Amino acid sequence: GPPAPFPPFPHFSAFAAITGISLSLVFCTLSTRAMAAAAAAFMEPSFGMDKLSYEIFSILESKFLFGYEEPKVLLRAADASPAPNAAVATKAASPTGRVRILSVDAGGATDGLLAAASLARLESSLKKLSGEPSARIADFFDVAAGSGAGGVLVALLFTRGAGGRPLLSAAEALDFLANNRRVIQPARKGRGAGLSGIFRKKGDAGCSGRVLRRVFGESTLRDTVKPVLIPCYDLATGAPFLFSRADAVETDGFDFLMREVCAATVGAAEMRSVDGRTVIASLDGGVAAGNPAAAAITHVLNNRTEFPFVAGVEDLLVLSLGNGESLSAAPAAAGGRRRGARAATASPAPSHIIRIAGEGASDMVDQAVSMAFGHNRTANYVRIQANVGEPSKFQSSDAGDVQAAAGVLLAQKNVESVLFRGKKVSERSNAEKLEWVSAELVREHEGRKRCPIPVVVFKKGSPRSSSSSVLSSTSNSPMGVASPR
């Protein structure tokens, strides 16, 4: 029969307009008190229309630029200064704690290995700070979103394995990606090609399918320890499609085999939901959302059932991991390398154009999210990205070599997006930012043990299989993982 009708889940429509998240999060209307003050001031004969307009737009401008909350309100001519004891209201984070979001970009210049190495380092730090030798990345995040190779990484870290624990540790996931990169993304060629799944040959799918089947077995989206969001581009509808555990719990029509979800986000594939009612003709997730941070934030802000205390971005802690941007000179044209003035006007190779588009879209999302967080940017949103001089350093299948190459990139100074100022080089390195994030995650984790009110209320969903994966985790320690949805 025909595919099931598209259900009106809120994050689907929001995800379809990723760019709009910055507007919905940043622009706020005047509060009721401010509007009342404006109306009262308008009735004053001494208060001219020009002054009223100026004050209204000043409030809006302050709200947009500096997170302005309650106005000093409209100052009358007879009252040029606020009362000395007047309190200035500030918007505090939820007393129960912040919702922790992990976002991982598509492959980038390192085929996902920079993010994998970053998470391996983060997990090691979390184990030391928490005193839990069996701690996993999934224990310290409430939602994870990943695109392309980042989607595969998220699936490896959040799919349920033996004993209900995450399938792999971050170190094991790094080793898996390093050894199977050419199988999962075989068509990647040249410097920073990116979005390699677009050019995948049909014969490649069988090889990658066998590898993914060996890892995930018959696991589906329901079989994850925490909510996950993995995008692809659906050729059948001509729009992005977001694989979501929230929807998989609601209906079988949106529950898919995890191995097919991974195949969909790294390349071209056709699949059906577990009940056969929904058909997806997928294309690389990097086409839909190379940086899925905005989709993850939108999902949380629009899901008051499971995240009841989230009132705004101040109640979030977001870690967004990039996978490296290529630093190359003038690209080689289709006819070969060109030097001098001709290189600047030479037509770039198609792979270079795709790389530019992918990296530009990811940067735009980073800029929009950073704008949305405003004055909370430095405390609630961390973006890890690096400039990759020579991607060949990440071509090794040895996890140790990849870790060493990633260590060099993580030693680079962190670059932050600043409202109306473009990029700013931070005083801290990427590695130091990761250390700071690990401390914040452990603090949130410990705070939840003392708080009687849950920060998140995940719906319980029955997994389709108790041990659906062939490749099992080595740790069975039941460290505080929230009830699966």
Protein backbone atom coordinates (compact mmCIF):
# COMPACT_ATOMS: atom_id res chain seq x y z
CA GLY A 1 0.00 0.00 0.00
CA PRO A 2 1.03 3.68 -0.09
CA PRO A 3 3.33 5.06 2.62
CA ALA A 4 1.75 6.15 5.86
CA PRO A 5 0.79 9.84 6.03
CA PHE A 6 3.41 12.13 7.52
CA PRO A 7 2.51 12.66 11.20
CA PRO A 8 2.46 16.19 12.62
CA PHE A 9 5.33 15.78 15.05
CA PRO A 10 6.61 19.26 15.89
CA HIS A 11 10.29 18.72 15.23
CA PHE A 12 9.73 17.54 11.65
CA SER A 13 8.39 20.88 10.50
CA ALA A 14 10.97 22.74 12.54
CA PHE A 15 13.77 20.65 11.09
CA ALA A 16 12.59 21.43 7.57
CA ALA A 17 13.42 25.08 8.27
CA ILE A 18 16.73 24.83 10.09
CA THR A 19 17.74 28.36 9.24
CA GLY A 20 14.61 29.70 10.91
CA ILE A 21 15.72 28.46 14.32
CA SER A 22 17.89 31.52 14.80
CA LEU A 23 14.88 33.78 14.32
CA SER A 24 12.58 31.78 16.58
CA LEU A 25 15.19 31.61 19.33
CA VAL A 26 16.73 35.08 19.08
CA PHE A 27 13.88 37.48 18.32
CA CYS A 28 11.55 37.88 21.28
CA THR A 29 8.54 40.12 21.62
CA LEU A 30 8.14 42.76 24.27
CA SER A 31 6.90 41.48 27.62
CA THR A 32 3.41 42.36 28.86
CA ARG A 33 4.87 44.73 31.42
CA ALA A 34 6.91 46.55 28.80
CA MET A 35 3.89 46.92 26.51
CA ALA A 36 1.79 48.24 29.39
CA ALA A 37 4.48 50.77 30.23
CA ALA A 38 4.65 51.79 26.58
CA ALA A 39 0.89 52.31 26.49
CA ALA A 40 0.94 54.36 29.68
CA ALA A 41 3.78 56.48 28.36
CA PHE A 42 1.93 57.00 25.10
CA MET A 43 -0.99 58.56 27.03
CA GLU A 44 1.34 61.18 28.55
CA PRO A 45 1.01 64.45 26.59
CA SER A 46 4.70 65.21 27.14
CA PHE A 47 5.78 61.93 25.56
CA GLY A 48 6.17 62.40 21.82
CA MET A 49 5.67 59.75 19.15
CA ASP A 50 9.34 59.90 18.16
CA LYS A 51 10.44 59.21 21.74
CA LEU A 52 7.99 56.33 22.04
CA SER A 53 9.23 54.74 18.82
CA TYR A 54 12.83 55.20 19.92
CA GLU A 55 12.22 53.49 23.28
CA ILE A 56 10.35 50.56 21.71
CA PHE A 57 13.08 49.87 19.19
CA SER A 58 15.76 50.34 21.86
CA ILE A 59 14.14 47.57 23.89
CA LEU A 60 13.92 45.31 20.86
CA GLU A 61 17.53 46.03 19.94
CA SER A 62 18.74 45.34 23.48
CA LYS A 63 16.72 42.14 23.55
CA PHE A 64 18.29 40.96 20.31
CA LEU A 65 21.88 41.99 20.97
CA PHE A 66 22.31 41.45 24.68
CA GLY A 67 19.57 39.13 25.85
CA TYR A 68 17.71 42.06 27.44
CA GLU A 69 14.97 40.67 29.70
CA GLU A 70 12.94 43.23 31.64
CA PRO A 71 13.13 46.87 30.52
CA LYS A 72 14.25 49.73 32.71
CA VAL A 73 11.10 50.42 31.22
CA LEU A 74 10.23 53.51 29.19
CA LEU A 75 11.77 56.51 30.91
CA ARG A 76 9.58 59.53 31.17
CA ALA A 77 10.94 63.04 30.96
CA ALA A 78 10.19 63.58 34.65
CA ASP A 79 11.84 60.29 35.64
CA ALA A 80 15.14 60.06 33.80
CA SER A 81 16.64 57.39 36.09
CA PRO A 82 15.21 54.19 37.55
CA ALA A 83 14.59 53.82 41.25
CA PRO A 84 17.80 53.02 43.17
CA ASN A 85 16.39 49.78 44.57
CA ALA A 86 14.76 48.65 41.34
CA ALA A 87 15.63 45.04 40.62
CA VAL A 88 16.73 44.06 37.15
CA ALA A 89 15.25 40.68 36.34
CA THR A 90 17.52 38.08 34.79
CA LYS A 91 16.54 34.80 33.31
CA ALA A 92 18.15 31.99 35.29
CA ALA A 93 18.64 28.45 34.18
CA SER A 94 16.27 25.79 35.42
CA PRO A 95 17.03 24.79 39.04
CA THR A 96 16.82 21.14 38.04
CA GLY A 97 19.77 21.38 35.64
CA ARG A 98 20.43 21.64 31.93
CA VAL A 99 19.51 19.26 29.13
CA ARG A 100 22.75 17.97 27.57
CA ILE A 101 22.88 17.77 23.77
CA LEU A 102 25.57 16.17 21.62
CA SER A 103 25.77 17.07 17.93
CA VAL A 104 28.24 15.51 15.47
CA ASP A 105 28.80 16.88 11.96
CA ALA A 106 28.99 14.90 8.75
CA GLY A 107 32.37 13.46 7.70
CA GLY A 108 34.17 16.66 6.74
CA ALA A 109 37.86 16.61 5.92
CA THR A 110 38.56 13.74 8.34
CA ASP A 111 35.69 11.34 7.52
CA GLY A 112 34.34 11.67 11.05
CA LEU A 113 37.60 10.72 12.74
CA LEU A 114 38.21 14.10 14.37
CA ALA A 115 34.86 13.92 16.16
CA ALA A 116 35.49 10.28 17.10
CA ALA A 117 38.90 11.14 18.55
CA SER A 118 37.39 14.11 20.39
CA LEU A 119 34.76 11.88 21.97
CA ALA A 120 37.38 9.29 22.92
CA ARG A 121 39.30 12.03 24.73
CA LEU A 122 36.12 13.37 26.30
CA GLU A 123 35.08 9.92 27.54
CA SER A 124 38.50 9.36 29.10
CA SER A 125 38.20 12.67 30.92
CA LEU A 126 34.67 11.84 32.09
CA LYS A 127 35.88 8.56 33.57
CA LYS A 128 38.59 10.33 35.56
CA LEU A 129 36.42 13.19 36.80
CA SER A 130 33.42 11.03 37.70
CA GLY A 131 35.43 8.18 39.21
CA GLU A 132 33.44 5.71 37.09
CA PRO A 133 35.78 3.48 35.04
CA SER A 134 32.83 2.12 33.06
CA ALA A 135 31.39 5.52 32.17
CA ARG A 136 30.25 6.01 28.59
CA ILE A 137 29.43 9.06 26.49
CA ALA A 138 25.73 8.14 26.54
CA ASP A 139 25.68 8.40 30.34
CA PHE A 140 26.36 12.13 30.19
CA PHE A 141 24.11 13.27 27.32
CA ASP A 142 20.32 13.35 27.03
CA VAL A 143 20.03 13.69 23.24
CA ALA A 144 22.48 12.93 20.43
CA ALA A 145 22.28 14.03 16.80
CA GLY A 146 24.66 12.99 14.06
CA SER A 147 24.83 13.36 10.29
CA GLY A 148 26.78 11.25 7.79
CA ALA A 149 29.78 9.66 9.49
CA GLY A 150 28.67 11.55 12.60
CA GLY A 151 25.38 9.66 12.46
CA VAL A 152 27.21 6.33 12.38
CA LEU A 153 29.28 7.47 15.35
CA VAL A 154 26.17 8.44 17.31
CA ALA A 155 24.57 5.08 16.50
CA LEU A 156 27.65 3.21 17.74
CA LEU A 157 27.68 5.13 21.01
CA PHE A 158 23.96 5.15 21.78
CA THR A 159 22.60 1.83 20.50
CA ARG A 160 21.90 -0.63 23.29
CA GLY A 161 24.37 -3.50 23.61
CA ALA A 162 24.85 -6.29 26.13
CA GLY A 163 23.27 -5.76 29.53
CA GLY A 164 21.44 -2.66 28.38
CA ARG A 165 24.65 -0.65 28.20
CA PRO A 166 25.81 1.32 25.14
CA LEU A 167 27.09 -0.84 22.30
CA LEU A 168 30.63 0.60 22.16
CA SER A 169 32.87 2.90 24.12
CA ALA A 170 34.16 6.01 22.37
CA ALA A 171 37.60 4.42 21.98
CA GLU A 172 36.05 1.33 20.38
CA ALA A 173 33.94 3.50 18.07
CA LEU A 174 37.07 5.37 16.97
CA ASP A 175 38.80 2.08 16.23
CA PHE A 176 35.78 0.89 14.23
CA LEU A 177 35.62 4.04 12.10
CA ALA A 178 39.37 4.04 11.50
CA ASN A 179 39.31 0.43 10.29
CA ASN A 180 36.11 0.63 8.24
CA ARG A 181 36.19 4.17 6.86
CA ARG A 182 36.86 3.08 3.29
CA VAL A 183 34.09 0.50 3.47
CA ILE A 184 31.43 2.81 4.89
CA GLN A 185 32.47 5.81 2.74
CA PRO A 186 34.36 4.24 -0.16
CA ALA A 187 33.88 6.95 -2.75
CA ARG A 188 35.69 9.75 -0.97
CA LYS A 189 38.47 11.09 -3.17
CA GLY A 190 40.76 14.05 -3.01
CA ARG A 191 41.33 16.64 -0.37
CA GLY A 192 38.27 17.29 1.77
CA ALA A 193 35.88 15.83 -0.75
CA GLY A 194 33.07 15.45 1.77
CA LEU A 195 29.50 14.29 1.11
CA SER A 196 30.99 11.17 -0.42
CA GLY A 197 27.76 9.22 -0.32
CA ILE A 198 26.45 11.16 -3.32
CA PHE A 199 28.97 9.43 -5.55
CA ARG A 200 28.68 5.97 -4.02
CA LYS A 201 28.49 3.14 -6.51
CA LYS A 202 25.68 0.66 -6.16
CA GLY A 203 28.10 -2.17 -5.59
CA ASP A 204 29.54 -0.44 -2.53
CA ALA A 205 26.31 -0.74 -0.55
CA GLY A 206 26.59 -4.51 -0.17
CA CYS A 207 30.04 -4.33 1.41
CA SER A 208 29.10 -1.58 3.85
CA GLY A 209 25.81 -3.34 4.55
CA ARG A 210 27.62 -6.47 5.72
CA VAL A 211 29.82 -4.44 8.06
CA LEU A 212 26.85 -2.56 9.52
CA ARG A 213 24.84 -5.78 9.89
CA ARG A 214 27.71 -7.35 11.83
CA VAL A 215 27.73 -4.41 14.24
CA PHE A 216 24.05 -3.58 14.67
CA GLY A 217 22.34 -6.88 13.88
CA GLU A 218 18.57 -6.38 14.05
CA SER A 219 18.65 -3.32 16.31
CA THR A 220 16.19 -0.57 15.44
CA LEU A 221 15.79 3.07 16.42
CA ARG A 222 13.94 1.92 19.53
CA ASP A 223 17.04 0.05 20.69
CA THR A 224 18.97 3.08 21.90
CA VAL A 225 19.74 4.07 25.47
CA LYS A 226 18.92 7.74 24.82
CA PRO A 227 17.04 9.67 22.10
CA VAL A 228 18.94 9.98 18.82
CA LEU A 229 18.36 12.12 15.71
CA ILE A 230 19.97 11.14 12.41
CA PRO A 231 19.11 13.03 9.19
CA CYS A 232 19.13 12.09 5.53
CA TYR A 233 17.68 13.62 2.38
CA ASP A 234 14.59 11.80 1.08
CA LEU A 235 14.48 11.81 -2.72
CA ALA A 236 10.88 10.56 -2.67
CA THR A 237 9.59 13.71 -0.95
CA GLY A 238 12.37 16.10 -1.96
CA ALA A 239 12.92 17.14 1.65
CA PRO A 240 15.09 16.31 4.65
CA PHE A 241 14.00 13.37 6.77
CA LEU A 242 14.94 12.98 10.41
CA PHE A 243 15.24 9.48 11.84
CA SER A 244 14.12 9.92 15.44
CA ARG A 245 13.66 7.54 18.31
CA ALA A 246 10.78 9.70 19.51
CA ASP A 247 8.84 8.81 16.38
CA ALA A 248 9.94 5.17 16.46
CA VAL A 249 8.39 4.82 19.92
CA GLU A 250 5.16 6.44 18.76
CA THR A 251 4.62 4.31 15.67
CA ASP A 252 6.20 1.38 13.85
CA GLY A 253 5.85 3.37 10.65
CA PHE A 254 8.89 5.42 11.69
CA ASP A 255 10.97 2.69 13.27
CA PHE A 256 13.87 1.57 11.06
CA LEU A 257 16.71 -0.90 11.37
CA MET A 258 19.72 0.93 12.76
CA ARG A 259 22.04 -0.49 10.10
CA GLU A 260 19.76 0.95 7.41
CA VAL A 261 19.62 4.30 9.19
CA CYS A 262 23.42 4.42 9.10
CA ALA A 263 23.45 3.45 5.42
CA ALA A 264 20.94 6.22 4.69
CA THR A 265 22.93 8.97 6.37
CA VAL A 266 26.24 8.15 4.63
CA GLY A 267 24.98 7.42 1.12
CA ALA A 268 22.18 6.53 -1.26
CA ALA A 269 19.87 3.76 -0.09
CA GLU A 270 16.25 2.67 -0.20
CA MET A 271 14.58 1.24 2.88
CA ARG A 272 11.28 0.52 4.55
CA SER A 273 10.17 0.90 8.13
CA VAL A 274 9.86 -2.25 10.21
CA ASP A 275 6.16 -2.48 9.38
CA GLY A 276 6.82 -1.81 5.68
CA ARG A 277 4.50 1.20 5.50
CA THR A 278 7.07 3.99 5.15
CA VAL A 279 9.52 4.02 2.25
CA ILE A 280 12.61 6.24 2.21
CA ALA A 281 14.85 6.84 -0.83
CA SER A 282 17.75 8.40 1.01
CA LEU A 283 20.72 10.51 0.07
CA ASP A 284 23.71 11.49 2.22
CA GLY A 285 22.80 13.14 5.53
CA GLY A 286 25.34 15.86 4.83
CA VAL A 287 23.02 17.12 2.09
CA ALA A 288 20.13 17.49 4.54
CA ALA A 289 21.99 18.79 7.59
CA GLY A 290 25.76 18.61 7.69
CA ASN A 291 25.58 20.23 11.13
CA PRO A 292 22.53 18.82 12.98
CA ALA A 293 22.89 21.04 16.07
CA ALA A 294 19.91 23.22 15.14
CA ALA A 295 17.70 20.17 14.58
CA ALA A 296 18.64 18.77 18.01
CA ILE A 297 17.98 22.07 19.78
CA THR A 298 14.63 22.44 18.02
CA HIS A 299 13.68 18.89 19.01
CA VAL A 300 14.30 19.62 22.69
CA LEU A 301 12.63 23.04 22.75
CA ASN A 302 9.48 21.62 21.13
CA ASN A 303 9.26 18.49 23.29
CA ARG A 304 7.82 19.69 26.59
CA THR A 305 6.61 16.19 27.47
CA GLU A 306 10.10 14.78 27.87
CA PHE A 307 11.92 18.03 28.61
CA PRO A 308 9.35 19.80 30.82
CA PHE A 309 11.69 22.32 32.43
CA VAL A 310 13.33 23.65 29.28
CA ALA A 311 12.17 27.23 28.83
CA GLY A 312 14.94 28.45 26.55
CA VAL A 313 18.54 28.04 25.48
CA GLU A 314 19.76 28.90 28.97
CA ASP A 315 18.46 25.46 30.01
CA LEU A 316 20.66 23.65 27.47
CA LEU A 317 24.29 22.52 27.38
CA VAL A 318 25.28 21.84 23.77
CA LEU A 319 28.49 20.26 22.50
CA SER A 320 28.79 20.49 18.71
CA LEU A 321 31.66 18.56 17.12
CA GLY A 322 32.96 19.37 13.66
CA ASN A 323 35.09 17.05 11.55
CA GLY A 324 37.63 19.48 10.20
CA GLU A 325 37.68 22.04 7.42
CA SER A 326 40.23 21.76 4.63
CA LEU A 327 42.88 24.43 4.29
CA SER A 328 43.82 24.16 0.64
CA ALA A 329 45.18 26.58 -1.87
CA ALA A 330 43.41 27.27 -5.14
CA PRO A 331 41.69 24.03 -6.14
CA ALA A 332 42.74 21.97 -9.08
CA ALA A 333 40.50 22.44 -12.07
CA ALA A 334 39.00 19.55 -13.95
CA GLY A 335 41.80 19.76 -16.51
CA GLY A 336 44.61 19.59 -13.97
CA ARG A 337 46.54 21.88 -11.63
CA ARG A 338 47.01 25.52 -12.57
CA ARG A 339 49.39 28.00 -11.09
CA GLY A 340 49.58 31.74 -10.66
CA ALA A 341 46.81 34.11 -11.70
CA ARG A 342 45.04 31.44 -13.77
CA ALA A 343 44.46 29.34 -10.63
CA ALA A 344 42.30 32.04 -9.07
CA THR A 345 39.91 32.02 -12.03
CA ALA A 346 40.05 28.30 -12.80
CA SER A 347 36.82 26.36 -12.48
CA PRO A 348 37.04 24.30 -9.27
CA ALA A 349 36.57 20.58 -9.33
CA PRO A 350 33.07 19.32 -8.43
CA SER A 351 34.34 17.74 -5.21
CA HIS A 352 35.77 21.10 -4.15
CA ILE A 353 32.46 22.86 -4.79
CA ILE A 354 30.64 20.25 -2.72
CA ARG A 355 33.15 20.64 0.10
CA ILE A 356 32.71 24.42 0.09
CA ALA A 357 28.92 24.08 0.16
CA GLY A 358 28.99 21.54 2.99
CA GLU A 359 31.43 23.47 5.15
CA GLY A 360 29.62 26.74 4.46
CA ALA A 361 26.26 25.28 5.51
CA SER A 362 27.75 23.88 8.72
CA ASP A 363 29.34 27.23 9.53
CA MET A 364 26.04 28.99 8.90
CA VAL A 365 24.27 26.72 11.39
CA ASP A 366 27.05 27.35 13.92
CA GLN A 367 26.64 31.11 13.44
CA ALA A 368 22.85 30.91 13.78
CA VAL A 369 22.99 28.76 16.92
CA SER A 370 25.64 31.02 18.45
CA MET A 371 23.43 34.04 17.77
CA ALA A 372 20.47 32.25 19.32
CA PHE A 373 22.38 31.60 22.54
CA GLY A 374 23.42 35.25 22.77
CA HIS A 375 24.99 36.03 26.15
CA ASN A 376 24.67 32.34 27.11
CA ARG A 377 26.96 31.37 24.24
CA THR A 378 30.15 30.83 26.23
CA ALA A 379 28.49 28.91 29.07
CA ASN A 380 25.92 26.82 27.21
CA TYR A 381 27.25 26.22 23.71
CA VAL A 382 30.64 24.82 22.70
CA ARG A 383 31.71 24.23 19.11
CA ILE A 384 34.83 22.16 18.36
CA GLN A 385 36.18 22.61 14.84
CA ALA A 386 39.68 22.64 13.33
CA ASN A 387 41.47 23.52 10.13
CA VAL A 388 42.98 20.41 8.55
CA GLY A 389 46.13 21.18 6.61
CA GLU A 390 46.68 17.71 5.19
CA PRO A 391 43.84 15.15 5.51
CA SER A 392 46.24 12.31 4.64
CA LYS A 393 47.25 12.25 8.30
CA PHE A 394 43.83 10.74 8.98
CA GLN A 395 44.13 8.02 6.34
CA SER A 396 45.70 5.53 8.77
CA SER A 397 43.56 2.62 9.95
CA ASP A 398 45.40 2.64 13.29
CA ALA A 399 43.41 4.37 16.02
CA GLY A 400 46.62 5.47 17.73
CA ASP A 401 47.81 7.32 14.63
CA VAL A 402 44.41 8.96 14.27
CA GLN A 403 44.47 10.02 17.92
CA ALA A 404 47.90 11.58 17.40
CA ALA A 405 46.71 13.48 14.32
CA ALA A 406 43.59 14.60 16.16
CA GLY A 407 45.70 15.74 19.10
CA VAL A 408 47.48 18.21 16.83
CA LEU A 409 44.15 19.64 15.65
CA LEU A 410 42.73 19.78 19.17
CA ALA A 411 45.77 21.81 20.22
CA GLN A 412 44.60 24.57 17.87
CA LYS A 413 42.96 27.60 19.44
CA ASN A 414 39.20 27.27 19.57
CA VAL A 415 37.29 29.53 17.17
CA GLU A 416 33.98 31.02 18.31
CA SER A 417 31.19 32.62 16.31
CA VAL A 418 30.40 36.11 17.60
CA LEU A 419 27.25 38.06 16.79
CA PHE A 420 27.93 40.52 13.93
CA ARG A 421 31.67 39.93 14.29
CA GLY A 422 32.19 36.70 12.39
CA LYS A 423 34.77 34.42 13.98
CA LYS A 424 36.90 35.09 17.03
CA VAL A 425 39.93 33.09 18.15
CA SER A 426 39.45 31.99 21.74
CA GLU A 427 42.14 32.10 24.40
CA ARG A 428 41.61 28.38 25.01
CA SER A 429 42.43 25.48 22.71
CA ASN A 430 39.95 22.89 21.47
CA ALA A 431 41.39 20.39 23.96
CA GLU A 432 40.94 22.84 26.83
CA LYS A 433 37.35 23.45 25.73
CA LEU A 434 36.73 19.70 25.84
CA GLU A 435 38.15 19.55 29.36
CA TRP A 436 35.82 22.36 30.39
CA VAL A 437 32.84 20.56 28.84
CA SER A 438 33.73 17.32 30.63
CA ALA A 439 33.78 19.16 33.97
CA GLU A 440 30.38 20.71 33.22
CA LEU A 441 28.92 17.35 32.20
CA VAL A 442 30.13 15.69 35.40
CA ARG A 443 28.73 18.59 37.45
CA GLU A 444 25.34 18.18 35.78
CA HIS A 445 25.52 14.41 36.27
CA GLU A 446 26.27 14.73 39.99
CA GLY A 447 23.65 17.43 40.43
CA ARG A 448 20.93 15.13 39.14
CA LYS A 449 21.74 12.58 41.82
CA ARG A 450 20.88 15.17 44.48
CA CYS A 451 17.85 16.68 42.76
CA PRO A 452 14.51 14.93 43.47
CA ILE A 453 12.97 16.38 40.30
CA PRO A 454 14.02 14.69 37.04
CA VAL A 455 15.42 16.97 34.35
CA VAL A 456 14.19 14.67 31.59
CA VAL A 457 11.21 12.33 31.54
CA PHE A 458 11.77 9.84 28.74
CA LYS A 459 8.88 7.67 27.66
CA LYS A 460 9.54 4.00 28.12
CA GLY A 461 9.61 1.99 24.95
CA SER A 462 9.99 -1.76 24.70
CA PRO A 463 13.12 -2.67 22.71
CA ARG A 464 12.50 -5.05 19.84
CA SER A 465 15.26 -7.39 20.95
CA SER A 466 17.27 -7.86 24.12
CA SER A 467 20.56 -8.59 22.37
CA SER A 468 19.95 -7.60 18.78
CA SER A 469 23.55 -6.78 17.98
CA VAL A 470 26.17 -9.28 16.96
CA LEU A 471 29.00 -7.06 18.18
CA SER A 472 28.53 -6.59 21.91
CA SER A 473 29.97 -4.17 24.42
CA THR A 474 32.67 -5.24 26.83
CA SER A 475 31.13 -3.42 29.80
CA ASN A 476 27.90 -4.42 31.54
CA SER A 477 28.03 -1.95 34.41
CA PRO A 478 24.56 -0.43 34.92
CA MET A 479 25.73 3.14 35.47
CA GLY A 480 22.81 5.60 35.70
CA VAL A 481 21.41 5.54 32.18
CA ALA A 482 17.95 7.08 31.92
CA SER A 483 15.07 4.80 31.05
CA PRO A 484 14.99 4.23 27.30
CA ARG A 485 12.21 5.72 25.26
